C-alpha cells in the first residue's frame, strides 16, 4: 500500500499537468487587414521637439520669427507674426539651414539670414 500511494500521486500530478487551465479566448472582431504590413513596417522617426521660439530685430529694422528645433537641423522662419512658416533644413547639425531662396545660420541669440528679395542681414534678440 505504501508503494501505491506515491505512484497514484505522481499519476494524478502528471494528469493535471497535461490540463490547460487557460480560458479559451474568442475574438469576434474582424481581423486587421493591415496587421502584416504594420508588423513589417520600418520604424517611424518622430519629428524633433521645439527648442526655442524667438523674435529677432534685423539690421534693416524688420522683425523675423524663428522656431528652433532639437537637433539643430530644422527651423521654421516667419516674416510676419502670424504668417505662414517656411521650413529651413540642414543635412547635418551646424550647417546652414536652407530652403528655396532662404538661408539661416546662428543660434537663439544672433542669426544671419537671407530672405528672398533682401540682402543677407544680421538679426539679434
PDB file of N, CA and C in Angstrom:
ATOM      1  N   UNK A   1       0.819  -1.184   0.000  1.00  0.00           N
ATOM      2  CA  UNK A   1       0.000   0.000   0.000  1.00  0.00           C
ATOM      3  C   UNK A   1       0.867   1.254   0.000  1.00  0.00           C
ATOM      4  N   UNK A   2       2.014   1.166   0.712  1.00  0.00           N
ATOM      5  CA  UNK A   2       2.901   2.319   0.762  1.00  0.00           C
ATOM      6  C   UNK A   2       3.496   2.607  -0.610  1.00  0.00           C
ATOM      7  N   UNK A   3       3.700   1.605  -1.432  1.00  0.00           N
ATOM      8  CA  UNK A   3       4.261   1.802  -2.763  1.00  0.00           C
ATOM      9  C   UNK A   3       3.225   2.362  -3.738  1.00  0.00           C
ATOM     10  N   UNK A   4       1.970   2.104  -3.534  1.00  0.00           N
ATOM     11  CA  UNK A   4       0.918   2.536  -4.443  1.00  0.00           C
ATOM     12  C   UNK A   4       0.620   4.032  -4.261  1.00  0.00           C
ATOM     13  N   UNK A   5       0.702   4.531  -3.050  1.00  0.00           N
ATOM     14  CA  UNK A   5       0.361   5.926  -2.767  1.00  0.00           C
ATOM     15  C   UNK A   5       1.255   6.917  -3.527  1.00  0.00           C
ATOM     16  N   UNK A   6       2.591   6.790  -3.527  1.00  0.00           N
ATOM     17  CA  UNK A   6       3.411   7.714  -4.326  1.00  0.00           C
ATOM     18  C   UNK A   6       3.138   7.582  -5.820  1.00  0.00           C
ATOM     19  N   UNK A   7       2.875   6.380  -6.291  1.00  0.00           N
ATOM     20  CA  UNK A   7       2.580   6.203  -7.708  1.00  0.00           C
ATOM     21  C   UNK A   7       1.265   6.869  -8.078  1.00  0.00           C
ATOM     22  N   UNK A   8       0.262   6.809  -7.239  1.00  0.00           N
ATOM     23  CA  UNK A   8      -1.036   7.425  -7.502  1.00  0.00           C
ATOM     24  C   UNK A   8      -0.903   8.950  -7.493  1.00  0.00           C
ATOM     25  N   UNK A   9      -0.106   9.474  -6.564  1.00  0.00           N
ATOM     26  CA  UNK A   9       0.105  10.922  -6.502  1.00  0.00           C
ATOM     27  C   UNK A   9       0.844  11.404  -7.748  1.00  0.00           C
ATOM     28  N   UNK A  10       1.832  10.655  -8.180  1.00  0.00           N
ATOM     29  CA  UNK A  10       2.584  11.030  -9.379  1.00  0.00           C
ATOM     30  C   UNK A  10       1.682  10.977 -10.611  1.00  0.00           C
ATOM     31  N   UNK A  11       0.819   9.981 -10.705  1.00  0.00           N
ATOM     32  CA  UNK A  11      -0.091   9.860 -11.842  1.00  0.00           C
ATOM     33  C   UNK A  11      -1.102  11.007 -11.840  1.00  0.00           C
ATOM     34  N   UNK A  12      -1.584  11.384 -10.669  1.00  0.00           N
ATOM     35  CA  UNK A  12      -2.533  12.496 -10.576  1.00  0.00           C
ATOM     36  C   UNK A  12      -1.861  13.817 -10.964  1.00  0.00           C
ATOM     37  N   UNK A  13      -0.626  14.013 -10.503  1.00  0.00           N
ATOM     38  CA  UNK A  13       0.105  15.240 -10.841  1.00  0.00           C
ATOM     39  C   UNK A  13       0.386  15.300 -12.342  1.00  0.00           C
ATOM     40  N   UNK A  14       0.727  14.164 -12.924  1.00  0.00           N
ATOM     41  CA  UNK A  14       1.007  14.114 -14.352  1.00  0.00           C
ATOM     42  C   UNK A  14      -0.251  14.392 -15.168  1.00  0.00           C
ATOM     43  N   UNK A  15      -1.385  13.866 -14.742  1.00  0.00           N
ATOM     44  CA  UNK A  15      -2.620  14.108 -15.487  1.00  0.00           C
ATOM     45  C   UNK A  15      -3.069  15.559 -15.360  1.00  0.00           C
ATOM     46  N   UNK A  16      -2.827  16.205 -14.200  1.00  0.00           N
ATOM     47  CA  UNK A  16      -3.182  17.611 -14.042  1.00  0.00           C
ATOM     48  C   UNK A  16      -2.235  18.519 -14.823  1.00  0.00           C
ATOM     49  N   UNK A  17      -0.991  18.112 -14.972  1.00  0.00           N
ATOM     50  CA  UNK A  17      -0.029  18.921 -15.711  1.00  0.00           C
ATOM     51  C   UNK A  17      -0.400  18.984 -17.184  1.00  0.00           C
ATOM     52  N   UNK A  18      -1.060  17.990 -17.679  1.00  0.00           N
ATOM     53  CA  UNK A  18      -1.451  17.970 -19.084  1.00  0.00           C
ATOM     54  C   UNK A  18      -2.667  18.842 -19.354  1.00  0.00           C
ATOM     55  N   UNK A  19      -3.385  19.239 -18.323  1.00  0.00           N
ATOM     56  CA  UNK A  19      -4.566  20.078 -18.492  1.00  0.00           C
ATOM     57  C   UNK A  19      -4.152  21.510 -18.769  1.00  0.00           C
ATOM     58  N   UNK A  20      -4.872  22.153 -19.632  1.00  0.00           N
ATOM     59  CA  UNK A  20      -4.651  23.564 -19.915  1.00  0.00           C
ATOM     60  C   UNK A  20      -5.693  24.339 -19.129  1.00  0.00           C
ATOM     61  N   UNK A  21      -5.252  25.056 -18.098  1.00  0.00           N
ATOM     62  CA  UNK A  21      -6.177  25.796 -17.251  1.00  0.00           C
ATOM     63  C   UNK A  21      -6.462  27.191 -17.787  1.00  0.00           C
ATOM     64  N   UNK A  22      -5.897  27.558 -18.934  1.00  0.00           N
ATOM     65  CA  UNK A  22      -6.126  28.871 -19.539  1.00  0.00           C
ATOM     66  C   UNK A  22      -7.502  28.887 -20.187  1.00  0.00           C
ATOM     67  N   UNK A  23      -8.248  29.976 -20.004  1.00  0.00           N
ATOM     68  CA  UNK A  23      -9.551  30.043 -20.670  1.00  0.00           C
ATOM     69  C   UNK A  23      -9.377  30.242 -22.176  1.00  0.00           C
ATOM     70  N   UNK A  24     -10.308  29.719 -22.934  1.00  0.00           N
ATOM     71  CA  UNK A  24     -10.266  29.894 -24.382  1.00  0.00           C
ATOM     72  C   UNK A  24     -10.727  31.312 -24.717  1.00  0.00           C
ATOM     73  N   UNK A  25      -9.931  32.020 -25.531  1.00  0.00           N
ATOM     74  CA  UNK A  25     -10.248  33.399 -25.904  1.00  0.00           C
ATOM     75  C   UNK A  25     -10.929  33.383 -27.271  1.00  0.00           C
ATOM     76  N   UNK A  26     -12.111  33.975 -27.316  1.00  0.00           N
ATOM     77  CA  UNK A  26     -12.855  34.058 -28.567  1.00  0.00           C
ATOM     78  C   UNK A  26     -12.973  35.538 -28.913  1.00  0.00           C
ATOM     79  N   UNK A  27     -12.466  35.914 -30.078  1.00  0.00           N
ATOM     80  CA  UNK A  27     -12.495  37.312 -30.519  1.00  0.00           C
ATOM     81  C   UNK A  27     -13.430  37.407 -31.715  1.00  0.00           C
ATOM     82  N   UNK A  28     -14.505  38.179 -31.559  1.00  0.00           N
ATOM     83  CA  UNK A  28     -15.492  38.292 -32.626  1.00  0.00           C
ATOM     84  C   UNK A  28     -15.219  39.475 -33.546  1.00  0.00           C
ATOM     85  N   UNK A  29     -14.180  40.257 -33.246  1.00  0.00           N
ATOM     86  CA  UNK A  29     -13.853  41.404 -34.103  1.00  0.00           C
ATOM     87  C   UNK A  29     -13.203  40.911 -35.397  1.00  0.00           C
ATOM     88  N   UNK A  30     -13.393  41.633 -36.494  1.00  0.00           N
ATOM     89  CA  UNK A  30     -12.734  41.228 -37.741  1.00  0.00           C
ATOM     90  C   UNK A  30     -11.228  41.427 -37.632  1.00  0.00           C
ATOM     91  N   UNK A  31     -10.484  40.619 -38.365  1.00  0.00           N
ATOM     92  CA  UNK A  31      -9.023  40.716 -38.357  1.00  0.00           C
ATOM     93  C   UNK A  31      -8.588  42.018 -39.021  1.00  0.00           C
ATOM     94  N   UNK A  32      -7.481  42.590 -38.535  1.00  0.00           N
ATOM     95  CA  UNK A  32      -6.932  43.832 -39.082  1.00  0.00           C
ATOM     96  C   UNK A  32      -6.290  43.529 -40.438  1.00  0.00           C
ATOM     97  N   UNK A  33      -6.774  44.125 -41.534  1.00  0.00           N
ATOM     98  CA  UNK A  33      -6.199  43.826 -42.850  1.00  0.00           C
ATOM     99  C   UNK A  33      -4.782  44.373 -43.013  1.00  0.00           C
ATOM    100  N   UNK A  34      -4.373  45.302 -42.154  1.00  0.00           N
ATOM    101  CA  UNK A  34      -3.043  45.894 -42.263  1.00  0.00           C
ATOM    102  C   UNK A  34      -2.068  45.358 -41.220  1.00  0.00           C
ATOM    103  N   UNK A  35      -2.444  44.347 -40.478  1.00  0.00           N
ATOM    104  CA  UNK A  35      -1.604  43.826 -39.398  1.00  0.00           C
ATOM    105  C   UNK A  35      -0.241  43.377 -39.918  1.00  0.00           C
ATOM    106  N   UNK A  36      -0.195  42.671 -41.032  1.00  0.00           N
ATOM    107  CA  UNK A  36       1.077  42.188 -41.571  1.00  0.00           C
ATOM    108  C   UNK A  36       1.940  43.351 -42.055  1.00  0.00           C
ATOM    109  N   UNK A  37       1.320  44.337 -42.696  1.00  0.00           N
ATOM    110  CA  UNK A  37       2.074  45.496 -43.171  1.00  0.00           C
ATOM    111  C   UNK A  37       2.660  46.284 -41.999  1.00  0.00           C
ATOM    112  N   UNK A  38       1.868  46.461 -40.951  1.00  0.00           N
ATOM    113  CA  UNK A  38       2.346  47.196 -39.784  1.00  0.00           C
ATOM    114  C   UNK A  38       3.463  46.446 -39.071  1.00  0.00           C
ATOM    115  N   UNK A  39       3.368  45.132 -39.015  1.00  0.00           N
ATOM    116  CA  UNK A  39       4.402  44.338 -38.359  1.00  0.00           C
ATOM    117  C   UNK A  39       5.728  44.428 -39.111  1.00  0.00           C
ATOM    118  N   UNK A  40       5.675  44.571 -40.433  1.00  0.00           N
ATOM    119  CA  UNK A  40       6.887  44.621 -41.247  1.00  0.00           C
ATOM    120  C   UNK A  40       7.322  46.040 -41.605  1.00  0.00           C
ATOM    121  N   UNK A  41       6.617  47.047 -41.115  1.00  0.00           N
ATOM    122  CA  UNK A  41       6.930  48.435 -41.465  1.00  0.00           C
ATOM    123  C   UNK A  41       8.216  48.896 -40.778  1.00  0.00           C
ATOM    124  N   UNK A  42       8.905  49.805 -41.430  1.00  0.00           N
ATOM    125  CA  UNK A  42      10.127  50.375 -40.862  1.00  0.00           C
ATOM    126  C   UNK A  42       9.762  51.252 -39.671  1.00  0.00           C
ATOM    127  N   UNK A  43      10.676  51.403 -38.720  1.00  0.00           N
ATOM    128  CA  UNK A  43      10.384  52.276 -37.580  1.00  0.00           C
ATOM    129  C   UNK A  43      10.177  53.717 -38.029  1.00  0.00           C
ATOM    130  N   UNK A  44       9.309  54.422 -37.343  1.00  0.00           N
ATOM    131  CA  UNK A  44       8.982  55.794 -37.679  1.00  0.00           C
ATOM    132  C   UNK A  44       9.836  56.728 -36.829  1.00  0.00           C
ATOM    133  N   UNK A  45      10.432  57.738 -37.479  1.00  0.00           N
ATOM    134  CA  UNK A  45      11.207  58.734 -36.746  1.00  0.00           C
ATOM    135  C   UNK A  45      10.290  59.912 -36.424  1.00  0.00           C
ATOM    136  N   UNK A  46      10.179  60.215 -35.147  1.00  0.00           N
ATOM    137  CA  UNK A  46       9.322  61.317 -34.722  1.00  0.00           C
ATOM    138  C   UNK A  46       9.957  62.653 -35.078  1.00  0.00           C
ATOM    139  N   UNK A  47       9.155  63.675 -35.322  1.00  0.00           N
ATOM    140  CA  UNK A  47       9.723  64.997 -35.585  1.00  0.00           C
ATOM    141  C   UNK A  47      10.392  65.526 -34.321  1.00  0.00           C
ATOM    142  N   UNK A  48      11.384  66.390 -34.482  1.00  0.00           N
ATOM    143  CA  UNK A  48      12.079  66.899 -33.307  1.00  0.00           C
ATOM    144  C   UNK A  48      11.192  67.829 -32.477  1.00  0.00           C
ATOM    145  N   UNK A  49      11.510  67.924 -31.201  1.00  0.00           N
ATOM    146  CA  UNK A  49      10.787  68.820 -30.307  1.00  0.00           C
ATOM    147  C   UNK A  49      11.294  70.248 -30.496  1.00  0.00           C
ATOM    148  N   UNK A  50      10.417  71.212 -30.247  1.00  0.00           N
ATOM    149  CA  UNK A  50      10.805  72.615 -30.379  1.00  0.00           C
ATOM    150  C   UNK A  50      11.743  72.980 -29.232  1.00  0.00           C
ATOM    151  N   UNK A  51      12.837  73.647 -29.593  1.00  0.00           N
ATOM    152  CA  UNK A  51      13.835  74.066 -28.614  1.00  0.00           C
ATOM    153  C   UNK A  51      13.585  75.496 -28.153  1.00  0.00           C
ATOM    154  N   UNK A  52      13.260  76.401 -29.076  1.00  0.00           N
ATOM    155  CA  UNK A  52      13.033  77.808 -28.734  1.00  0.00           C
ATOM    156  C   UNK A  52      12.230  78.473 -29.842  1.00  0.00           C
ATOM    157  N   UNK A  53      11.427  79.456 -29.458  1.00  0.00           N
ATOM    158  CA  UNK A  53      10.693  80.288 -30.399  1.00  0.00           C
ATOM    159  C   UNK A  53      11.107  81.727 -30.108  1.00  0.00           C
ATOM    160  N   UNK A  54      11.783  82.368 -31.080  1.00  0.00           N
ATOM    161  CA  UNK A  54      12.450  83.647 -30.829  1.00  0.00           C
ATOM    162  C   UNK A  54      12.027  84.696 -31.857  1.00  0.00           C
ATOM    163  N   UNK A  55      11.871  85.937 -31.387  1.00  0.00           N
ATOM    164  CA  UNK A  55      11.643  87.087 -32.268  1.00  0.00           C
ATOM    165  C   UNK A  55      12.968  87.834 -32.419  1.00  0.00           C
ATOM    166  N   UNK A  56      13.333  88.150 -33.653  1.00  0.00           N
ATOM    167  CA  UNK A  56      14.593  88.840 -33.930  1.00  0.00           C
ATOM    168  C   UNK A  56      14.319  90.208 -34.550  1.00  0.00           C
ATOM    169  N   UNK A  57      15.130  91.192 -34.182  1.00  0.00           N
ATOM    170  CA  UNK A  57      15.140  92.513 -34.831  1.00  0.00           C
ATOM    171  C   UNK A  57      16.357  92.517 -35.748  1.00  0.00           C
ATOM    172  N   UNK A  58      16.134  92.820 -37.018  1.00  0.00           N
ATOM    173  CA  UNK A  58      17.207  92.765 -38.002  1.00  0.00           C
ATOM    174  C   UNK A  58      17.798  94.147 -38.275  1.00  0.00           C
ATOM    175  N   UNK A  59      18.911  94.129 -38.999  1.00  0.00           N
ATOM    176  CA  UNK A  59      19.670  95.345 -39.309  1.00  0.00           C
ATOM    177  C   UNK A  59      18.810  96.389 -40.028  1.00  0.00           C
ATOM    178  N   UNK A  60      17.873  95.939 -40.875  1.00  0.00           N
ATOM    179  CA  UNK A  60      17.010  96.882 -41.606  1.00  0.00           C
ATOM    180  C   UNK A  60      15.747  97.245 -40.806  1.00  0.00           C
ATOM    181  N   UNK A  61      15.746  96.930 -39.524  1.00  0.00           N
ATOM    182  CA  UNK A  61      14.664  97.232 -38.589  1.00  0.00           C
ATOM    183  C   UNK A  61      13.416  96.353 -38.796  1.00  0.00           C
ATOM    184  N   UNK A  62      13.531  95.296 -39.561  1.00  0.00           N
ATOM    185  CA  UNK A  62      12.413  94.370 -39.739  1.00  0.00           C
ATOM    186  C   UNK A  62      12.440  93.327 -38.618  1.00  0.00           C
ATOM    187  N   UNK A  63      11.336  92.624 -38.461  1.00  0.00           N
ATOM    188  CA  UNK A  63      11.233  91.554 -37.474  1.00  0.00           C
ATOM    189  C   UNK A  63      11.141  90.206 -38.169  1.00  0.00           C
ATOM    190  N   UNK A  64      11.811  89.209 -37.598  1.00  0.00           N
ATOM    191  CA  UNK A  64      11.706  87.825 -38.057  1.00  0.00           C
ATOM    192  C   UNK A  64      11.362  86.959 -36.855  1.00  0.00           C
ATOM    193  N   UNK A  65      10.615  85.907 -37.092  1.00  0.00           N
ATOM    194  CA  UNK A  65      10.194  84.991 -36.038  1.00  0.00           C
ATOM    195  C   UNK A  65      10.703  83.602 -36.407  1.00  0.00           C
ATOM    196  N   UNK A  66      11.512  83.019 -35.514  1.00  0.00           N
ATOM    197  CA  UNK A  66      12.144  81.739 -35.815  1.00  0.00           C
ATOM    198  C   UNK A  66      11.842  80.748 -34.703  1.00  0.00           C
ATOM    199  N   UNK A  67      11.413  79.545 -35.103  1.00  0.00           N
ATOM    200  CA  UNK A  67      11.230  78.423 -34.181  1.00  0.00           C
ATOM    201  C   UNK A  67      12.390  77.460 -34.416  1.00  0.00           C
ATOM    202  N   UNK A  68      13.226  77.274 -33.402  1.00  0.00           N
ATOM    203  CA  UNK A  68      14.354  76.346 -33.482  1.00  0.00           C
ATOM    204  C   UNK A  68      13.930  75.003 -32.907  1.00  0.00           C
ATOM    205  N   UNK A  69      14.406  73.906 -33.520  1.00  0.00           N
ATOM    206  CA  UNK A  69      14.049  72.566 -33.087  1.00  0.00           C
ATOM    207  C   UNK A  69      15.280  71.806 -32.611  1.00  0.00           C
ATOM    208  N   UNK A  70      15.065  70.810 -31.735  1.00  0.00           N
ATOM    209  CA  UNK A  70      16.152  69.977 -31.220  1.00  0.00           C
ATOM    210  C   UNK A  70      16.889  69.313 -32.385  1.00  0.00           C
ATOM    211  N   UNK A  71      18.188  69.145 -32.242  1.00  0.00           N
ATOM    212  CA  UNK A  71      18.994  68.509 -33.274  1.00  0.00           C
ATOM    213  C   UNK A  71      19.632  69.507 -34.219  1.00  0.00           C
ATOM    214  N   UNK A  72      19.190  70.759 -34.187  1.00  0.00           N
ATOM    215  CA  UNK A  72      19.761  71.844 -34.998  1.00  0.00           C
ATOM    216  C   UNK A  72      19.780  71.549 -36.493  1.00  0.00           C
ATOM    217  N   UNK A  73      18.778  70.789 -36.976  1.00  0.00           N
ATOM    218  CA  UNK A  73      18.667  70.523 -38.412  1.00  0.00           C
ATOM    219  C   UNK A  73      17.362  71.038 -38.995  1.00  0.00           C
ATOM    220  N   UNK A  74      16.553  71.750 -38.173  1.00  0.00           N
ATOM    221  CA  UNK A  74      15.271  72.258 -38.622  1.00  0.00           C
ATOM    222  C   UNK A  74      14.939  73.543 -37.886  1.00  0.00           C
ATOM    223  N   UNK A  75      14.429  74.520 -38.641  1.00  0.00           N
ATOM    224  CA  UNK A  75      13.910  75.768 -38.072  1.00  0.00           C
ATOM    225  C   UNK A  75      12.767  76.242 -38.953  1.00  0.00           C
ATOM    226  N   UNK A  76      11.768  76.844 -38.334  1.00  0.00           N
ATOM    227  CA  UNK A  76      10.670  77.473 -39.066  1.00  0.00           C
ATOM    228  C   UNK A  76      10.868  78.976 -39.010  1.00  0.00           C
ATOM    229  N   UNK A  77      10.825  79.635 -40.166  1.00  0.00           N
ATOM    230  CA  UNK A  77      11.037  81.082 -40.265  1.00  0.00           C
ATOM    231  C   UNK A  77       9.748  81.741 -40.741  1.00  0.00           C
ATOM    232  N   UNK A  78       9.334  82.802 -40.036  1.00  0.00           N
ATOM    233  CA  UNK A  78       8.173  83.591 -40.442  1.00  0.00           C
ATOM    234  C   UNK A  78       8.601  85.047 -40.542  1.00  0.00           C
ATOM    235  N   UNK A  79       8.154  85.726 -41.586  1.00  0.00           N
ATOM    236  CA  UNK A  79       8.472  87.145 -41.760  1.00  0.00           C
ATOM    237  C   UNK A  79       7.390  88.032 -41.162  1.00  0.00           C
ATOM    238  N   UNK A  80       6.255  87.453 -40.781  1.00  0.00           N
ATOM    239  CA  UNK A  80       5.175  88.165 -40.110  1.00  0.00           C
ATOM    240  C   UNK A  80       4.778  87.344 -38.897  1.00  0.00           C
ATOM    241  N   UNK A  81       4.288  88.015 -37.851  1.00  0.00           N
ATOM    242  CA  UNK A  81       3.980  87.331 -36.597  1.00  0.00           C
ATOM    243  C   UNK A  81       3.030  86.154 -36.784  1.00  0.00           C
ATOM    244  N   UNK A  82       1.971  86.307 -37.505  1.00  0.00           N
ATOM    245  CA  UNK A  82       1.030  85.211 -37.723  1.00  0.00           C
ATOM    246  C   UNK A  82       1.186  84.571 -39.081  1.00  0.00           C
ATOM    247  N   UNK A  83       2.297  84.845 -39.751  1.00  0.00           N
ATOM    248  CA  UNK A  83       2.499  84.373 -41.122  1.00  0.00           C
ATOM    249  C   UNK A  83       2.746  82.881 -41.218  1.00  0.00           C
ATOM    250  N   UNK A  84       2.729  82.411 -42.448  1.00  0.00           N
ATOM    251  CA  UNK A  84       2.992  81.011 -42.734  1.00  0.00           C
ATOM    252  C   UNK A  84       4.478  80.725 -42.556  1.00  0.00           C
ATOM    253  N   UNK A  85       4.831  79.686 -41.794  1.00  0.00           N
ATOM    254  CA  UNK A  85       6.251  79.393 -41.594  1.00  0.00           C
ATOM    255  C   UNK A  85       6.873  78.740 -42.821  1.00  0.00           C
ATOM    256  N   UNK A  86       8.150  79.046 -43.032  1.00  0.00           N
ATOM    257  CA  UNK A  86       8.947  78.388 -44.053  1.00  0.00           C
ATOM    258  C   UNK A  86       9.911  77.456 -43.328  1.00  0.00           C
ATOM    259  N   UNK A  87       9.869  76.169 -43.647  1.00  0.00           N
ATOM    260  CA  UNK A  87      10.742  75.188 -43.006  1.00  0.00           C
ATOM    261  C   UNK A  87      12.129  75.254 -43.637  1.00  0.00           C
ATOM    262  N   UNK A  88      13.131  75.517 -42.811  1.00  0.00           N
ATOM    263  CA  UNK A  88      14.524  75.543 -43.238  1.00  0.00           C
ATOM    264  C   UNK A  88      15.204  74.306 -42.665  1.00  0.00           C
ATOM    265  N   UNK A  89      15.915  73.568 -43.504  1.00  0.00           N
ATOM    266  CA  UNK A  89      16.535  72.320 -43.055  1.00  0.00           C
ATOM    267  C   UNK A  89      18.008  72.280 -43.405  1.00  0.00           C
ATOM    268  N   UNK A  90      18.730  71.406 -42.719  1.00  0.00           N
ATOM    269  CA  UNK A  90      20.143  71.144 -42.989  1.00  0.00           C
ATOM    270  C   UNK A  90      20.359  69.639 -42.920  1.00  0.00           C
ATOM    271  N   UNK A  91      21.312  69.146 -43.698  1.00  0.00           N
ATOM    272  CA  UNK A  91      21.636  67.718 -43.679  1.00  0.00           C
ATOM    273  C   UNK A  91      22.278  67.323 -42.354  1.00  0.00           C
ATOM    274  N   UNK A  92      23.148  68.189 -41.823  1.00  0.00           N
ATOM    275  CA  UNK A  92      23.876  67.923 -40.585  1.00  0.00           C
ATOM    276  C   UNK A  92      23.764  69.126 -39.672  1.00  0.00           C
ATOM    277  N   UNK A  93      23.815  68.900 -38.379  1.00  0.00           N
ATOM    278  CA  UNK A  93      23.799  69.998 -37.407  1.00  0.00           C
ATOM    279  C   UNK A  93      25.039  70.865 -37.616  1.00  0.00           C
ATOM    280  N   UNK A  94      24.860  72.179 -37.535  1.00  0.00           N
ATOM    281  CA  UNK A  94      25.975  73.101 -37.718  1.00  0.00           C
ATOM    282  C   UNK A  94      26.051  73.673 -39.127  1.00  0.00           C
ATOM    283  N   UNK A  95      25.425  73.029 -40.095  1.00  0.00           N
ATOM    284  CA  UNK A  95      25.397  73.553 -41.456  1.00  0.00           C
ATOM    285  C   UNK A  95      24.288  74.599 -41.559  1.00  0.00           C
ATOM    286  N   UNK A  96      24.375  75.500 -42.557  1.00  0.00           N
ATOM    287  CA  UNK A  96      23.306  76.492 -42.725  1.00  0.00           C
ATOM    288  C   UNK A  96      21.959  75.819 -42.989  1.00  0.00           C
ATOM    289  N   UNK A  97      20.925  76.366 -42.397  1.00  0.00           N
ATOM    290  CA  UNK A  97      19.558  75.896 -42.631  1.00  0.00           C
ATOM    291  C   UNK A  97      19.070  76.597 -43.895  1.00  0.00           C
ATOM    292  N   UNK A  98      18.557  75.848 -44.854  1.00  0.00           N
ATOM    293  CA  UNK A  98      18.189  76.436 -46.137  1.00  0.00           C
ATOM    294  C   UNK A  98      16.827  75.949 -46.615  1.00  0.00           C
ATOM    295  N   UNK A  99      16.245  76.753 -47.473  1.00  0.00           N
ATOM    296  CA  UNK A  99      15.062  76.415 -48.261  1.00  0.00           C
ATOM    297  C   UNK A  99      15.213  77.242 -49.532  1.00  0.00           C
ATOM    298  N   UNK A 100      14.345  77.076 -50.491  1.00  0.00           N
ATOM    299  CA  UNK A 100      14.476  77.782 -51.763  1.00  0.00           C
ATOM    300  C   UNK A 100      14.451  79.304 -51.538  1.00  0.00           C
ATOM    301  N   UNK A 101      15.613  79.947 -51.749  1.00  0.00           N
ATOM    302  CA  UNK A 101      15.729  81.388 -51.592  1.00  0.00           C
ATOM    303  C   UNK A 101      16.040  81.844 -50.175  1.00  0.00           C
ATOM    304  N   UNK A 102      16.061  80.923 -49.205  1.00  0.00           N
ATOM    305  CA  UNK A 102      16.297  81.263 -47.806  1.00  0.00           C
ATOM    306  C   UNK A 102      17.595  80.613 -47.319  1.00  0.00           C
ATOM    307  N   UNK A 103      18.233  81.264 -46.371  1.00  0.00           N
ATOM    308  CA  UNK A 103      19.398  80.701 -45.695  1.00  0.00           C
ATOM    309  C   UNK A 103      19.463  81.309 -44.301  1.00  0.00           C
ATOM    310  N   UNK A 104      19.803  80.479 -43.306  1.00  0.00           N
ATOM    311  CA  UNK A 104      19.878  80.954 -41.930  1.00  0.00           C
ATOM    312  C   UNK A 104      21.027  80.258 -41.222  1.00  0.00           C
ATOM    313  N   UNK A 105      21.852  81.026 -40.522  1.00  0.00           N
ATOM    314  CA  UNK A 105      22.882  80.492 -39.644  1.00  0.00           C
ATOM    315  C   UNK A 105      22.783  81.228 -38.321  1.00  0.00           C
ATOM    316  N   UNK A 106      23.234  80.601 -37.268  1.00  0.00           N
ATOM    317  CA  UNK A 106      23.235  81.240 -35.961  1.00  0.00           C
ATOM    318  C   UNK A 106      22.526  80.407 -34.924  1.00  0.00           C
ATOM    319  N   UNK A 107      22.145  81.084 -33.819  1.00  0.00           N
ATOM    320  CA  UNK A 107      21.503  80.404 -32.702  1.00  0.00           C
ATOM    321  C   UNK A 107      20.347  81.242 -32.171  1.00  0.00           C
ATOM    322  N   UNK A 108      19.917  80.947 -30.959  1.00  0.00           N
ATOM    323  CA  UNK A 108      18.757  81.626 -30.381  1.00  0.00           C
ATOM    324  C   UNK A 108      19.031  83.082 -29.998  1.00  0.00           C
ATOM    325  N   UNK A 109      20.269  83.529 -30.075  1.00  0.00           N
ATOM    326  CA  UNK A 109      20.626  84.907 -29.715  1.00  0.00           C
ATOM    327  C   UNK A 109      20.886  85.791 -30.938  1.00  0.00           C
ATOM    328  N   UNK A 110      21.627  85.274 -31.918  1.00  0.00           N
ATOM    329  CA  UNK A 110      22.023  86.031 -33.115  1.00  0.00           C
ATOM    330  C   UNK A 110      21.927  85.143 -34.337  1.00  0.00           C
ATOM    331  N   UNK A 111      21.406  85.696 -35.420  1.00  0.00           N
ATOM    332  CA  UNK A 111      21.339  84.942 -36.669  1.00  0.00           C
ATOM    333  C   UNK A 111      21.801  85.819 -37.826  1.00  0.00           C
ATOM    334  N   UNK A 112      22.233  85.155 -38.871  1.00  0.00           N
ATOM    335  CA  UNK A 112      22.474  85.787 -40.168  1.00  0.00           C
ATOM    336  C   UNK A 112      21.512  85.101 -41.117  1.00  0.00           C
ATOM    337  N   UNK A 113      20.720  85.918 -41.809  1.00  0.00           N
ATOM    338  CA  UNK A 113      19.637  85.356 -42.606  1.00  0.00           C
ATOM    339  C   UNK A 113      19.600  85.983 -43.990  1.00  0.00           C
ATOM    340  N   UNK A 114      19.230  85.177 -44.978  1.00  0.00           N
ATOM    341  CA  UNK A 114      18.994  85.633 -46.349  1.00  0.00           C
ATOM    342  C   UNK A 114      17.562  85.261 -46.683  1.00  0.00           C
ATOM    343  N   UNK A 115      16.768  86.305 -46.985  1.00  0.00           N
ATOM    344  CA  UNK A 115      15.358  86.140 -47.331  1.00  0.00           C
ATOM    345  C   UNK A 115      15.185  86.602 -48.774  1.00  0.00           C
ATOM    346  N   UNK A 116      14.346  85.936 -49.576  1.00  0.00           N
ATOM    347  CA  UNK A 116      14.149  86.371 -50.965  1.00  0.00           C
ATOM    348  C   UNK A 116      13.757  87.849 -51.043  1.00  0.00           C
ATOM    349  N   UNK A 117      14.399  88.554 -51.941  1.00  0.00           N
ATOM    350  CA  UNK A 117      14.107  89.968 -52.151  1.00  0.00           C
ATOM    351  C   UNK A 117      14.890  90.900 -51.249  1.00  0.00           C
ATOM    352  N   UNK A 118      15.719  90.366 -50.358  1.00  0.00           N
ATOM    353  CA  UNK A 118      16.526  91.186 -49.455  1.00  0.00           C
ATOM    354  C   UNK A 118      17.959  90.691 -49.453  1.00  0.00           C
ATOM    355  N   UNK A 119      18.883  91.587 -49.077  1.00  0.00           N
ATOM    356  CA  UNK A 119      20.268  91.198 -48.916  1.00  0.00           C
ATOM    357  C   UNK A 119      20.432  90.411 -47.616  1.00  0.00           C
ATOM    358  N   UNK A 120      21.546  89.706 -47.505  1.00  0.00           N
ATOM    359  CA  UNK A 120      21.861  88.998 -46.263  1.00  0.00           C
ATOM    360  C   UNK A 120      21.971  90.016 -45.134  1.00  0.00           C
ATOM    361  N   UNK A 121      21.385  89.697 -43.971  1.00  0.00           N
ATOM    362  CA  UNK A 121      21.409  90.646 -42.861  1.00  0.00           C
ATOM    363  C   UNK A 121      21.592  89.906 -41.551  1.00  0.00           C
ATOM    364  N   UNK A 122      22.056  90.627 -40.547  1.00  0.00           N
ATOM    365  CA  UNK A 122      22.200  90.057 -39.205  1.00  0.00           C
ATOM    366  C   UNK A 122      21.014  90.509 -38.357  1.00  0.00           C
ATOM    367  N   UNK A 123      20.634  89.639 -37.441  1.00  0.00           N
ATOM    368  CA  UNK A 123      19.491  89.919 -36.566  1.00  0.00           C
ATOM    369  C   UNK A 123      19.847  89.485 -35.150  1.00  0.00           C
ATOM    370  N   UNK A 124      19.296  90.226 -34.176  1.00  0.00           N
ATOM    371  CA  UNK A 124      19.572  89.963 -32.766  1.00  0.00           C
ATOM    372  C   UNK A 124      18.256  89.887 -31.999  1.00  0.00           C
ATOM    373  N   UNK A 125      18.316  89.268 -30.840  1.00  0.00           N
ATOM    374  CA  UNK A 125      17.136  89.183 -29.961  1.00  0.00           C
ATOM    375  C   UNK A 125      16.772  90.553 -29.470  1.00  0.00           C
TER     376      UNK A 125
END
